[in-house]
Protein backbone atom coordinates (compact mmCIF):
# COMPACT_ATOMS: atom_id res chain seq x y z
CA MET A 1 90.81 24.57 -18.85
CA SER A 2 92.14 27.96 -19.95
CA LYS A 3 95.84 28.26 -20.61
CA SER A 4 97.77 29.37 -17.53
CA PHE A 5 101.29 28.01 -18.12
CA PHE A 6 103.59 27.16 -21.00
CA THR A 7 104.05 23.57 -22.18
CA LEU A 8 106.60 21.89 -24.43
CA ASP A 9 104.52 23.04 -27.40
CA ASP A 10 105.42 26.68 -26.74
CA PHE A 11 109.20 26.58 -27.16
CA SER A 12 111.81 25.64 -29.73
CA PHE A 13 114.29 23.34 -28.01
CA ASP A 14 116.71 22.73 -30.87
CA GLY A 15 120.20 23.32 -29.53
CA LYS A 16 118.86 24.68 -26.23
CA THR A 17 120.20 23.45 -22.91
CA THR A 18 117.01 22.46 -21.09
CA LEU A 19 116.98 21.91 -17.34
CA VAL A 20 114.26 19.40 -16.48
CA ARG A 21 113.07 18.77 -12.92
CA ILE A 22 111.47 15.35 -12.68
CA ASP A 23 110.50 13.10 -9.76
CA ILE A 24 111.86 9.56 -9.97
CA ASN A 25 111.87 9.11 -6.21
CA ALA A 26 110.95 5.48 -5.45
CA PRO A 27 111.50 2.73 -2.90
CA VAL A 28 115.02 1.39 -3.37
CA ASP A 29 117.14 -1.52 -2.26
CA PRO A 30 119.32 0.22 0.35
CA GLU A 31 122.23 -2.13 -0.36
CA THR A 32 122.36 -1.64 -4.14
CA GLY A 33 120.52 1.66 -4.61
CA VAL A 34 118.38 0.05 -7.32
CA PRO A 35 114.80 1.42 -7.50
CA LYS A 36 112.12 -1.20 -6.85
CA ASP A 37 109.52 0.68 -8.92
CA VAL A 38 110.29 2.28 -12.29
CA THR A 39 106.82 3.70 -12.96
CA LYS A 40 107.97 7.31 -12.62
CA ILE A 41 110.98 6.76 -14.89
CA GLU A 42 108.62 5.36 -17.51
CA ARG A 43 106.21 8.31 -17.15
CA HIS A 44 108.92 10.98 -17.35
CA GLY A 45 110.47 9.16 -20.29
CA LYS A 46 107.86 10.77 -22.55
CA THR A 47 109.09 14.26 -21.66
CA LEU A 48 112.78 13.39 -21.84
CA LEU A 49 112.50 11.56 -25.16
CA GLU A 50 110.47 14.36 -26.71
CA LEU A 51 113.04 16.94 -25.68
CA SER A 52 115.87 14.76 -26.97
CA GLU A 53 114.11 14.26 -30.31
CA LYS A 54 113.61 18.02 -30.56
CA GLY A 55 117.35 18.53 -30.31
CA ALA A 56 117.58 19.79 -26.74
CA LYS A 57 120.59 19.26 -24.52
CA VAL A 58 118.65 17.69 -21.69
CA VAL A 59 119.87 18.20 -18.11
CA VAL A 60 117.84 16.28 -15.54
CA LEU A 61 117.37 17.08 -11.86
CA SER A 62 115.61 14.79 -9.41
CA HIS A 63 115.61 13.74 -5.77
CA GLN A 64 115.65 10.39 -4.02
CA GLY A 65 114.64 9.90 -0.40
CA ARG A 66 115.28 12.16 2.57
CA LYS A 67 118.46 12.73 4.53
CA GLY A 68 118.76 10.15 7.30
CA GLU A 69 116.51 7.58 5.61
CA ARG A 70 117.56 4.27 4.03
CA ASP A 71 116.46 5.32 0.56
CA PHE A 72 118.58 8.51 0.56
CA VAL A 73 120.91 7.23 -2.15
CA SER A 74 122.68 8.25 -5.33
CA LEU A 75 120.88 8.39 -8.68
CA LYS A 76 123.52 6.30 -10.42
CA GLU A 77 121.28 3.23 -10.61
CA HIS A 78 118.34 5.38 -11.70
CA ALA A 79 120.44 6.51 -14.66
CA ARG A 80 121.27 2.91 -15.55
CA LEU A 81 117.60 1.94 -15.49
CA ALA A 82 116.64 5.02 -17.50
CA ASN A 83 119.10 3.90 -20.18
CA GLU A 84 117.26 0.59 -20.46
CA ILE A 85 113.74 2.01 -20.27
CA LEU A 86 114.18 5.00 -22.60
CA GLY A 87 116.31 3.13 -25.11
CA ILE A 88 118.85 5.97 -25.33
CA GLU A 89 122.01 6.76 -23.40
CA VAL A 90 121.34 8.66 -20.21
CA LYS A 91 124.61 10.07 -18.98
CA TYR A 92 125.21 10.49 -15.25
CA VAL A 93 127.48 12.73 -13.19
CA ASP A 94 127.99 12.43 -9.43
CA ASP A 95 127.60 16.15 -8.85
CA VAL A 96 124.60 18.48 -8.63
CA CYS A 97 125.82 21.98 -9.41
CA GLY A 98 129.58 22.11 -8.92
CA GLU A 99 132.36 22.33 -11.50
CA LYS A 100 131.98 18.67 -12.42
CA ALA A 101 128.28 19.09 -13.22
CA VAL A 102 128.75 22.37 -15.07
CA SER A 103 131.53 20.86 -17.19
CA ALA A 104 129.39 17.84 -18.05
CA ILE A 105 126.51 20.14 -19.06
CA LYS A 106 128.73 22.26 -21.28
CA SER A 107 130.00 19.15 -23.08
CA LEU A 108 126.50 17.93 -23.99
CA ARG A 109 125.56 17.63 -27.65
CA ASP A 110 122.11 18.20 -29.12
CA GLY A 111 119.76 15.38 -28.17
CA GLU A 112 121.88 14.03 -25.32
CA VAL A 113 120.48 13.46 -21.82
CA LEU A 114 122.42 13.96 -18.58
CA LEU A 115 121.15 13.03 -15.11
CA LEU A 116 122.69 15.03 -12.28
CA GLU A 117 123.19 13.63 -8.79
CA ASN A 118 120.42 13.53 -6.17
CA VAL A 119 119.52 17.19 -5.68
CA ARG A 120 118.79 16.60 -2.00
CA PHE A 121 122.44 15.77 -1.46
CA ILE A 122 122.97 19.54 -1.18
CA ASP A 123 121.34 21.49 1.65
CA GLU A 124 120.41 24.36 -0.67
CA GLU A 125 117.56 22.28 -2.05
CA THR A 126 115.53 21.91 1.13
CA SER A 127 116.94 24.28 3.77
CA VAL A 128 116.71 27.61 1.93
CA LYS A 129 113.17 28.89 2.46
CA THR A 130 112.66 32.30 0.82
CA ILE A 131 112.72 32.79 -2.93
CA GLU A 132 115.19 35.65 -2.54
CA GLU A 133 117.65 33.37 -0.76
CA GLN A 134 117.04 30.54 -3.20
CA LEU A 135 118.02 32.76 -6.12
CA LYS A 136 121.41 33.34 -4.48
CA THR A 137 122.23 29.65 -4.09
CA ASP A 138 124.91 27.89 -6.14
CA LEU A 139 122.19 25.50 -7.28
CA VAL A 140 120.25 28.24 -9.06
CA ARG A 141 123.12 30.49 -10.09
CA ASN A 142 125.36 27.75 -11.48
CA LEU A 143 122.73 25.72 -13.30
CA SER A 144 120.79 28.69 -14.68
CA SER A 145 124.04 30.12 -16.07
CA VAL A 146 124.38 27.09 -18.37
CA SER A 147 120.67 26.57 -19.14
CA ASP A 148 118.33 28.22 -21.64
CA ILE A 149 114.94 26.81 -20.58
CA TYR A 150 113.51 25.26 -17.42
CA VAL A 151 110.92 22.48 -17.55
CA ASN A 152 109.12 21.27 -14.42
CA ASP A 153 107.70 17.77 -14.81
CA ALA A 154 107.79 16.84 -11.11
CA PHE A 155 104.08 16.86 -10.28
CA PRO A 156 104.48 14.46 -7.31
CA ALA A 157 106.67 17.10 -5.62
CA ALA A 158 104.63 20.12 -6.73
CA HIS A 159 103.29 20.74 -3.21
CA ARG A 160 106.80 21.50 -1.94
CA THR A 161 108.68 24.83 -1.96
CA HIS A 162 112.12 23.36 -2.55
CA THR A 163 114.63 25.40 -4.51
CA SER A 164 114.71 23.30 -7.69
CA LEU A 165 110.91 23.39 -7.88
CA ILE A 166 110.14 27.11 -7.61
CA ALA A 167 113.28 29.22 -8.07
CA PHE A 168 114.34 28.49 -11.65
CA THR A 169 111.04 29.85 -12.97
CA GLU A 170 112.21 33.27 -11.74
CA VAL A 171 115.27 33.34 -13.98
CA LEU A 172 114.56 31.08 -16.97
CA PRO A 173 111.76 30.74 -19.55
CA SER A 174 109.70 27.94 -18.02
CA ALA A 175 107.24 25.27 -19.07
CA ALA A 176 105.40 22.24 -17.69
CA GLY A 177 106.57 18.84 -18.89
CA ARG A 178 104.19 16.21 -20.22
CA VAL A 179 103.62 14.52 -16.84
CA MET A 180 102.87 17.83 -15.13
CA GLU A 181 100.60 18.88 -18.00
CA ALA A 182 98.67 15.57 -18.02
CA GLU A 183 98.22 15.55 -14.23
CA ILE A 184 96.85 19.10 -14.14
CA LYS A 185 94.56 18.40 -17.11
CA ALA A 186 93.13 15.23 -15.54
CA LEU A 187 92.57 16.83 -12.15
CA SER A 188 91.15 20.04 -13.63
CA SER A 189 88.63 18.09 -15.71
CA ILE A 190 87.24 16.65 -12.50
CA MET A 191 87.28 19.83 -10.44
CA ASP A 192 85.99 22.14 -13.17
CA ASP A 193 83.32 20.17 -15.02
CA PRO A 194 82.98 16.47 -14.12
CA GLU A 195 80.50 14.28 -15.95
CA ARG A 196 77.70 13.32 -13.58
CA PRO A 197 77.22 11.43 -11.34
CA CYS A 198 80.63 12.23 -9.84
CA VAL A 199 81.66 9.83 -7.06
CA TYR A 200 84.57 10.07 -4.63
CA LEU A 201 85.79 6.77 -3.14
CA LEU A 202 88.01 7.84 -0.25
CA GLY A 203 89.80 5.72 2.32
CA GLY A 204 93.22 4.50 3.33
CA ALA A 205 94.97 5.20 6.62
CA LYS A 206 95.23 9.01 6.42
CA VAL A 207 92.05 10.57 7.73
CA ASP A 208 93.22 14.16 7.27
CA ASP A 209 93.88 13.88 3.53
CA SER A 210 90.65 12.01 2.79
CA PHE A 211 88.52 14.36 4.90
CA LYS A 212 89.93 17.52 3.30
CA VAL A 213 89.24 16.14 -0.18
CA ALA A 214 85.70 15.09 0.77
CA GLU A 215 84.97 18.45 2.39
CA HIS A 216 86.18 20.43 -0.63
CA ALA A 217 84.35 18.24 -3.15
CA LEU A 218 81.08 18.52 -1.24
CA GLU A 219 81.36 22.22 -0.41
CA LEU A 220 81.91 23.12 -4.08
CA GLY A 221 79.28 20.70 -5.37
CA ILE A 222 81.86 18.65 -7.27
CA ALA A 223 80.95 15.30 -5.71
CA ASP A 224 77.46 13.86 -6.03
CA LYS A 225 78.37 10.98 -3.72
CA VAL A 226 81.19 10.33 -1.26
CA LEU A 227 81.87 6.71 -0.38
CA PRO A 228 84.07 6.58 2.74
CA VAL A 229 86.13 3.44 3.41
CA GLY A 230 89.21 2.75 5.51
CA LEU A 231 89.76 4.88 8.61
CA LEU A 232 87.61 7.69 7.21
CA ALA A 233 84.62 5.34 7.24
CA ILE A 234 85.22 4.26 10.84
CA LEU A 235 85.48 7.87 11.97
CA MET A 236 82.34 8.85 10.07
CA VAL A 237 80.42 6.05 11.72
CA HIS A 238 81.67 7.33 15.08
CA ALA A 239 80.69 10.88 14.10
CA LYS A 240 77.12 9.64 13.64
CA GLY A 241 77.03 8.59 17.26
CA VAL A 242 78.11 4.95 17.04
CA ASP A 243 80.44 3.59 19.73
CA ILE A 244 83.23 2.00 17.66
CA GLY A 245 84.98 0.39 20.65
CA ASP A 246 88.23 1.09 22.48
CA VAL A 247 90.49 -0.64 19.95
CA ASN A 248 89.18 1.40 17.03
CA ARG A 249 89.13 4.64 19.04
CA GLN A 250 92.79 4.11 19.84
CA LEU A 251 93.55 3.45 16.17
CA ILE A 252 91.78 6.62 15.06
CA ASP A 253 93.46 8.62 17.82
CA SER A 254 96.92 7.38 16.78
CA LYS A 255 96.28 8.78 13.30
CA GLY A 256 95.07 12.16 14.57
CA GLY A 257 91.56 11.52 13.31
CA PHE A 258 89.67 12.90 16.30
CA GLY A 259 90.90 16.38 15.40
CA TYR A 260 88.41 16.28 12.51
CA LEU A 261 85.48 14.86 14.45
CA ASP A 262 83.54 18.10 14.97
CA LYS A 263 84.04 19.18 11.36
CA MET A 264 82.99 15.74 10.20
CA ARG A 265 79.75 15.89 12.21
CA LYS A 266 78.91 19.23 10.62
CA LEU A 267 79.75 17.91 7.15
CA ILE A 268 77.53 14.87 7.64
CA ASP A 269 74.67 17.07 8.88
CA ARG A 270 74.93 19.30 5.80
CA PHE A 271 75.51 16.59 3.20
CA ASN A 272 73.89 13.54 4.74
CA ASP A 273 72.21 12.65 1.44
CA LYS A 274 75.55 12.65 -0.40
CA ILE A 275 77.64 10.68 2.10
CA GLU A 276 77.08 6.91 2.09
CA VAL A 277 78.31 5.65 5.46
CA PRO A 278 79.04 1.87 5.64
CA ALA A 279 76.41 -0.37 7.19
CA ASP A 280 78.81 -3.19 8.08
CA PHE A 281 82.49 -3.98 8.52
CA ALA A 282 84.80 -6.97 8.74
CA ILE A 283 86.86 -7.63 11.87
CA GLU A 284 89.31 -10.36 12.81
CA GLU A 285 88.24 -12.97 15.35
CA ASN A 286 90.14 -16.22 15.97
CA ASN A 287 92.26 -15.50 12.88
CA GLU A 288 89.17 -15.37 10.66
CA ARG A 289 87.20 -12.68 8.87
CA VAL A 290 83.99 -11.95 10.76
CA GLU A 291 81.33 -9.58 9.42
CA VAL A 292 79.53 -7.29 11.86
CA THR A 293 76.83 -4.70 11.30
CA VAL A 294 77.22 -1.18 12.59
CA ASP A 295 74.11 -1.82 14.75
CA SER A 296 76.09 -4.46 16.67
CA PHE A 297 78.90 -2.09 17.68
CA PRO A 298 80.96 -1.54 19.81
CA VAL A 299 83.42 -4.30 18.91
CA ASN A 300 86.60 -5.28 20.72
CA ALA A 301 88.60 -5.93 17.57
CA PRO A 302 90.03 -3.60 14.92
CA VAL A 303 87.98 -3.00 11.80
CA LYS A 304 89.96 -4.30 8.82
CA ASP A 305 87.58 -4.05 5.88
CA ILE A 306 84.07 -3.04 4.87
CA GLY A 307 81.37 -5.73 4.93
CA GLU A 308 79.38 -7.49 2.22
CA GLU A 309 76.32 -5.25 2.45
CA THR A 310 78.44 -2.11 2.09
CA ILE A 311 80.45 -3.62 -0.76
CA SER A 312 77.24 -4.39 -2.67
CA LYS A 313 75.75 -0.93 -2.09
CA PHE A 314 78.96 0.92 -2.99
CA LYS A 315 79.41 -1.15 -6.16
CA GLU A 316 75.98 -0.05 -7.38
CA VAL A 317 76.93 3.60 -6.90
CA LEU A 318 80.28 3.15 -8.68
CA LEU A 319 78.82 1.26 -11.64
CA ASP A 320 76.31 4.09 -12.18
CA ALA A 321 78.95 6.83 -11.99
CA ARG A 322 80.40 8.80 -14.90
CA THR A 323 83.33 10.31 -12.99
CA ILE A 324 85.17 8.56 -10.15
CA VAL A 325 88.00 9.73 -7.91
CA VAL A 326 89.77 7.00 -5.95
CA ASN A 327 92.18 7.46 -3.08
CA GLY A 328 92.86 4.79 -0.51
CA PRO A 329 92.05 1.10 -0.21
CA ALA A 330 88.96 -0.08 1.65
CA GLY A 331 90.84 -2.11 4.23
CA VAL A 332 93.95 -4.14 5.02
CA TYR A 333 94.29 -5.31 1.43
CA GLU A 334 97.72 -6.86 2.08
CA ASP A 335 95.92 -9.60 4.06
CA GLU A 336 93.89 -11.85 1.74
CA ARG A 337 91.17 -12.19 4.39
CA PHE A 338 90.51 -8.45 4.30
CA SER A 339 91.20 -7.57 0.67
CA LYS A 340 87.66 -8.19 -0.56
CA GLY A 341 86.38 -4.64 -0.14
CA THR A 342 89.34 -3.15 -1.96
CA VAL A 343 89.29 -5.69 -4.80
CA GLU A 344 85.53 -5.57 -5.37
CA LEU A 345 85.28 -1.79 -5.32
CA PHE A 346 88.35 -1.26 -7.51
CA LYS A 347 86.96 -3.82 -9.98
CA ALA A 348 83.69 -1.90 -10.04
CA VAL A 349 85.56 1.31 -10.81
CA GLY A 350 87.28 -0.42 -13.73
CA ASP A 351 84.05 -2.00 -14.97
CA SER A 352 82.14 1.28 -14.90
CA ARG A 353 81.82 3.58 -17.89
CA ALA A 354 83.20 6.45 -15.83
CA PHE A 355 86.35 8.46 -16.30
CA SER A 356 88.31 7.28 -13.29
CA LEU A 357 91.25 8.92 -11.59
CA ALA A 358 93.24 7.10 -8.90
CA GLY A 359 96.21 8.20 -6.84
CA GLY A 360 98.08 7.71 -3.60
CA GLY A 361 100.83 5.23 -2.76
CA HIS A 362 98.70 2.48 -1.21
CA THR A 363 96.05 2.90 -3.89
CA LEU A 364 98.58 2.31 -6.64
CA GLU A 365 100.13 -0.61 -4.78
CA ALA A 366 96.72 -2.24 -4.41
CA LEU A 367 95.79 -1.66 -8.06
CA LYS A 368 99.03 -3.26 -9.20
CA LYS A 369 98.78 -6.11 -6.69
CA PHE A 370 95.38 -7.13 -8.04
CA GLY A 371 96.17 -6.38 -11.70
CA LEU A 372 93.62 -3.57 -11.94
CA ASP A 373 95.79 -0.54 -12.72
CA SER A 374 95.21 -0.86 -16.47
CA LYS A 375 91.44 -0.53 -15.94
CA ILE A 376 91.75 2.97 -14.44
CA SER A 377 91.41 5.86 -16.89
CA TYR A 378 94.19 7.92 -15.32
CA VAL A 379 96.57 6.85 -12.58
CA SER A 380 98.19 9.85 -10.92
CA THR A 381 101.82 9.76 -9.82
CA GLY A 382 101.05 12.54 -7.37
CA GLY A 383 99.88 11.17 -4.05
CA LYS A 384 100.18 14.12 -1.68
CA ALA A 385 100.22 16.65 -4.53
CA MET A 386 97.09 15.14 -6.07
CA LEU A 387 95.25 15.20 -2.75
CA ALA A 388 96.30 18.78 -2.05
CA LEU A 389 94.94 19.92 -5.41
CA LEU A 390 91.70 17.96 -4.92
CA ALA A 391 91.39 19.61 -1.51
CA GLY A 392 91.49 23.05 -3.13
CA GLU A 393 95.03 23.92 -2.12
CA SER A 394 97.44 25.71 -4.44
CA LEU A 395 100.66 23.89 -5.29
CA PRO A 396 103.82 26.05 -5.16
CA ALA A 397 105.48 24.49 -8.21
CA ILE A 398 102.38 25.00 -10.35
CA GLU A 399 101.95 28.56 -9.07
CA ALA A 400 105.58 29.23 -10.03
CA LEU A 401 104.89 28.08 -13.60
CA LYS A 402 101.79 30.27 -13.74
CA LYS A 403 103.74 33.34 -12.56
CA ALA A 404 106.42 32.70 -15.17
CA TYR A 405 103.71 32.51 -17.84
CA LEU A 406 102.14 35.81 -16.73
CA ARG A 407 105.52 37.56 -16.61
CA SER A 408 106.21 36.43 -20.15
CA LEU A 409 102.85 37.76 -21.38
CA GLN A 410 103.38 41.09 -19.60
CA SER A 411 106.84 41.48 -21.10
CA ARG A 412 105.32 41.24 -24.58
CA VAL A 413 102.90 44.10 -24.00
């Protein structure tokens, strides 16, 4: 991967006030505001500790939840947990960019870390749409006036055009943090030059995301095999002319899947040899797991997992792979009766000799639930951002870092 943005290796941070945008958004206890998952705090800790050790005055911006939702809470408890996890004091101020925040920033000493309040508490973060307007906000003007360098480490939010993600690169020297750098490197290694065979295991409950990733990977010749599970598999079976039954049609329709049906038929026609459609599924009958072949469809019960024959066939493909991309469980893994497909396939990914990359909220939950996350080569924090990049889309926050890099090079000429 050729260099297209600055990293922490490109700047001297000693004595510099460094504004760092991270993403520690997580499910929280709405009563206490305590995050239920500290994975992101642990990941970003590498960037924050490195900057602190290099003598930077570290000012941290992040968001939590969305306005109107139960997890739209203060970052006070996040700061407390960061203290424990990082092993250093993480100061906190209940202000984003007002006088209180600016004063706290000015009082920082070299190596100290300060977490500002939830950036989404101010409307300027999400409601201001154009870059010209964003540059006029108090958020950008006030914080850039007391900052020397901007670092974006918030890969999970990189697909958004929010003010704190794309505007500071216009006015401050800018770099990617270690999380952002690692995510881009891992994803680029797959998209640019994957070791073969390259297999995509795609499922979950979001047909649109999985289909876009499969389409891009096949169109560009990145994927040698696509193994569809979850709702994507049910829709692909339907696209091949199988009557999946009223219950499953309604399920697919509720997820907007039929909007991709024509495209999916064309994709299957073009890449039939690269798409392994399931031969059997598991449904629920009389509170038990019942396996049914695709030849026996339609069924009057929702499909909840792939069947034994498909599990065995897909495991062979995964164990032979040298690069694997995983997004989405194979079925209703939360129910022990229908977790087999997810567990068996994820185990096969871990047992293979492949470089494996996994991402997406339910994927990570399943990996942790079954104790398999440590067997994956790289677990992405990205979710939507990861899928967008794998689908060939440009991410605004990354593009902003690239533009800042090019402007810096041009200014030296």
